Amino acid sequence: MPAQDIPVPQDPADALAAVAALRHLADRLEDAAVEQAMRAGWGWPDVAEALGVTRQAVHKKHAKRLIAAGVTLRRRR
């Protein structure tokens, strides 16, 4: 979608607030999807590939939260 086709509020404060809200929503969706995948037995490489990031990046971002949530994490084989 070309940038000119994206509706942007005229007030920059409103536009930036919308961006911040979308980022927050995307983070929450990612957290839920990663947790679901890990509970389903996915490994870090599988999750990383699906998100288009490195295994290290996804582990760094999610491991502590998943452990705190009681998710059993797979070890490397």
C-alpha atoms as a PDB file:
ATOM      1  CA  MET A   1       0.000   0.000   0.000  1.00  0.00           C
ATOM      2  CA  PRO A   2       1.568   3.320  -1.026  1.00  0.00           C
ATOM      3  CA  ALA A   3       2.070   5.803   1.801  1.00  0.00           C
ATOM      4  CA  GLN A   4      -0.337   8.258   0.208  1.00  0.00           C
ATOM      5  CA  ASP A   5      -3.122   5.645   0.522  1.00  0.00           C
ATOM      6  CA  ILE A   6      -2.730   5.364   4.294  1.00  0.00           C
ATOM      7  CA  PRO A   7      -5.155   7.588   6.188  1.00  0.00           C
ATOM      8  CA  VAL A   8      -3.162   9.775   8.581  1.00  0.00           C
ATOM      9  CA  PRO A   9      -4.778  12.147  11.067  1.00  0.00           C
ATOM     10  CA  GLN A  10      -4.107  15.813  10.312  1.00  0.00           C
ATOM     11  CA  ASP A  11      -2.905  16.474  13.862  1.00  0.00           C
ATOM     12  CA  PRO A  12       0.624  15.066  14.293  1.00  0.00           C
ATOM     13  CA  ALA A  13      -0.103  14.257  17.957  1.00  0.00           C
ATOM     14  CA  ASP A  14      -3.053  12.092  16.895  1.00  0.00           C
ATOM     15  CA  ALA A  15      -0.995  10.404  14.178  1.00  0.00           C
ATOM     16  CA  LEU A  16       1.835   9.599  16.593  1.00  0.00           C
ATOM     17  CA  ALA A  17      -0.615   8.370  19.236  1.00  0.00           C
ATOM     18  CA  ALA A  18      -2.075   6.005  16.624  1.00  0.00           C
ATOM     19  CA  VAL A  19       1.404   4.683  15.790  1.00  0.00           C
ATOM     20  CA  ALA A  20       2.152   4.123  19.491  1.00  0.00           C
ATOM     21  CA  ALA A  21      -1.168   2.304  19.973  1.00  0.00           C
ATOM     22  CA  LEU A  22      -0.517   0.061  16.967  1.00  0.00           C
ATOM     23  CA  ARG A  23       2.979  -0.784  18.239  1.00  0.00           C
ATOM     24  CA  HIS A  24       1.536  -1.692  21.639  1.00  0.00           C
ATOM     25  CA  LEU A  25      -1.102  -3.893  20.008  1.00  0.00           C
ATOM     26  CA  ALA A  26       1.502  -5.563  17.771  1.00  0.00           C
ATOM     27  CA  ASP A  27       3.690  -6.299  20.813  1.00  0.00           C
ATOM     28  CA  ARG A  28       0.750  -7.868  22.668  1.00  0.00           C
ATOM     29  CA  LEU A  29      -0.165  -9.966  19.633  1.00  0.00           C
ATOM     30  CA  GLU A  30       3.440 -11.117  19.275  1.00  0.00           C
ATOM     31  CA  ASP A  31       3.646 -12.038  22.965  1.00  0.00           C
ATOM     32  CA  ALA A  32       0.478 -14.121  22.729  1.00  0.00           C
ATOM     33  CA  ALA A  33       1.495 -15.816  19.476  1.00  0.00           C
ATOM     34  CA  VAL A  34       4.993 -16.670  20.734  1.00  0.00           C
ATOM     35  CA  GLU A  35       3.577 -18.100  23.951  1.00  0.00           C
ATOM     36  CA  GLN A  36       1.041 -20.158  21.993  1.00  0.00           C
ATOM     37  CA  ALA A  37       3.749 -21.479  19.680  1.00  0.00           C
ATOM     38  CA  MET A  38       6.091 -22.391  22.527  1.00  0.00           C
ATOM     39  CA  ARG A  39       3.289 -24.147  24.431  1.00  0.00           C
ATOM     40  CA  ALA A  40       2.588 -26.081  21.212  1.00  0.00           C
ATOM     41  CA  GLY A  41       6.175 -27.343  21.176  1.00  0.00           C
ATOM     42  CA  TRP A  42       7.800 -24.951  18.734  1.00  0.00           C
ATOM     43  CA  GLY A  43      11.481 -24.213  19.207  1.00  0.00           C
ATOM     44  CA  TRP A  44      13.225 -20.861  19.150  1.00  0.00           C
ATOM     45  CA  PRO A  45      14.435 -21.324  15.549  1.00  0.00           C
ATOM     46  CA  ASP A  46      10.858 -22.004  14.374  1.00  0.00           C
ATOM     47  CA  VAL A  47       9.464 -18.923  16.115  1.00  0.00           C
ATOM     48  CA  ALA A  48      12.358 -16.780  14.912  1.00  0.00           C
ATOM     49  CA  GLU A  49      11.866 -17.854  11.313  1.00  0.00           C
ATOM     50  CA  ALA A  50       8.133 -17.133  11.471  1.00  0.00           C
ATOM     51  CA  LEU A  51       8.828 -13.643  12.837  1.00  0.00           C
ATOM     52  CA  GLY A  52      11.718 -12.936  10.468  1.00  0.00           C
ATOM     53  CA  VAL A  53      14.240 -12.373  13.261  1.00  0.00           C
ATOM     54  CA  THR A  54      17.147 -14.310  14.741  1.00  0.00           C
ATOM     55  CA  ARG A  55      16.760 -17.038  17.331  1.00  0.00           C
ATOM     56  CA  GLN A  56      18.807 -14.927  19.713  1.00  0.00           C
ATOM     57  CA  ALA A  57      16.539 -11.911  19.256  1.00  0.00           C
ATOM     58  CA  VAL A  58      13.330 -13.811  19.930  1.00  0.00           C
ATOM     59  CA  HIS A  59      14.882 -15.605  22.918  1.00  0.00           C
ATOM     60  CA  LYS A  60      16.132 -12.337  24.426  1.00  0.00           C
ATOM     61  CA  LYS A  61      12.747 -10.678  23.985  1.00  0.00           C
ATOM     62  CA  HIS A  62      10.512 -13.495  25.237  1.00  0.00           C
ATOM     63  CA  ALA A  63      12.372 -16.064  27.387  1.00  0.00           C
ATOM     64  CA  LYS A  64      12.031 -14.406  30.799  1.00  0.00           C
ATOM     65  CA  ARG A  65       8.328 -13.675  30.295  1.00  0.00           C
ATOM     66  CA  LEU A  66       7.633 -17.217  29.116  1.00  0.00           C
ATOM     67  CA  ILE A  67       9.476 -18.759  32.051  1.00  0.00           C
ATOM     68  CA  ALA A  68       7.534 -16.510  34.442  1.00  0.00           C
ATOM     69  CA  ALA A  69       4.308 -17.667  32.750  1.00  0.00           C
ATOM     70  CA  GLY A  70       5.252 -21.284  33.413  1.00  0.00           C
ATOM     71  CA  VAL A  71       5.951 -22.228  29.806  1.00  0.00           C
ATOM     72  CA  THR A  72       8.323 -25.185  29.474  1.00  0.00           C
ATOM     73  CA  LEU A  73      10.981 -24.144  26.980  1.00  0.00           C
ATOM     74  CA  ARG A  74      12.635 -26.664  24.703  1.00  0.00           C
ATOM     75  CA  ARG A  75      16.366 -27.137  24.908  1.00  0.00           C
ATOM     76  CA  ARG A  76      18.541 -27.434  21.833  1.00  0.00           C
ATOM     77  CA  ARG A  77      18.824 -30.973  20.544  1.00  0.00           C
END
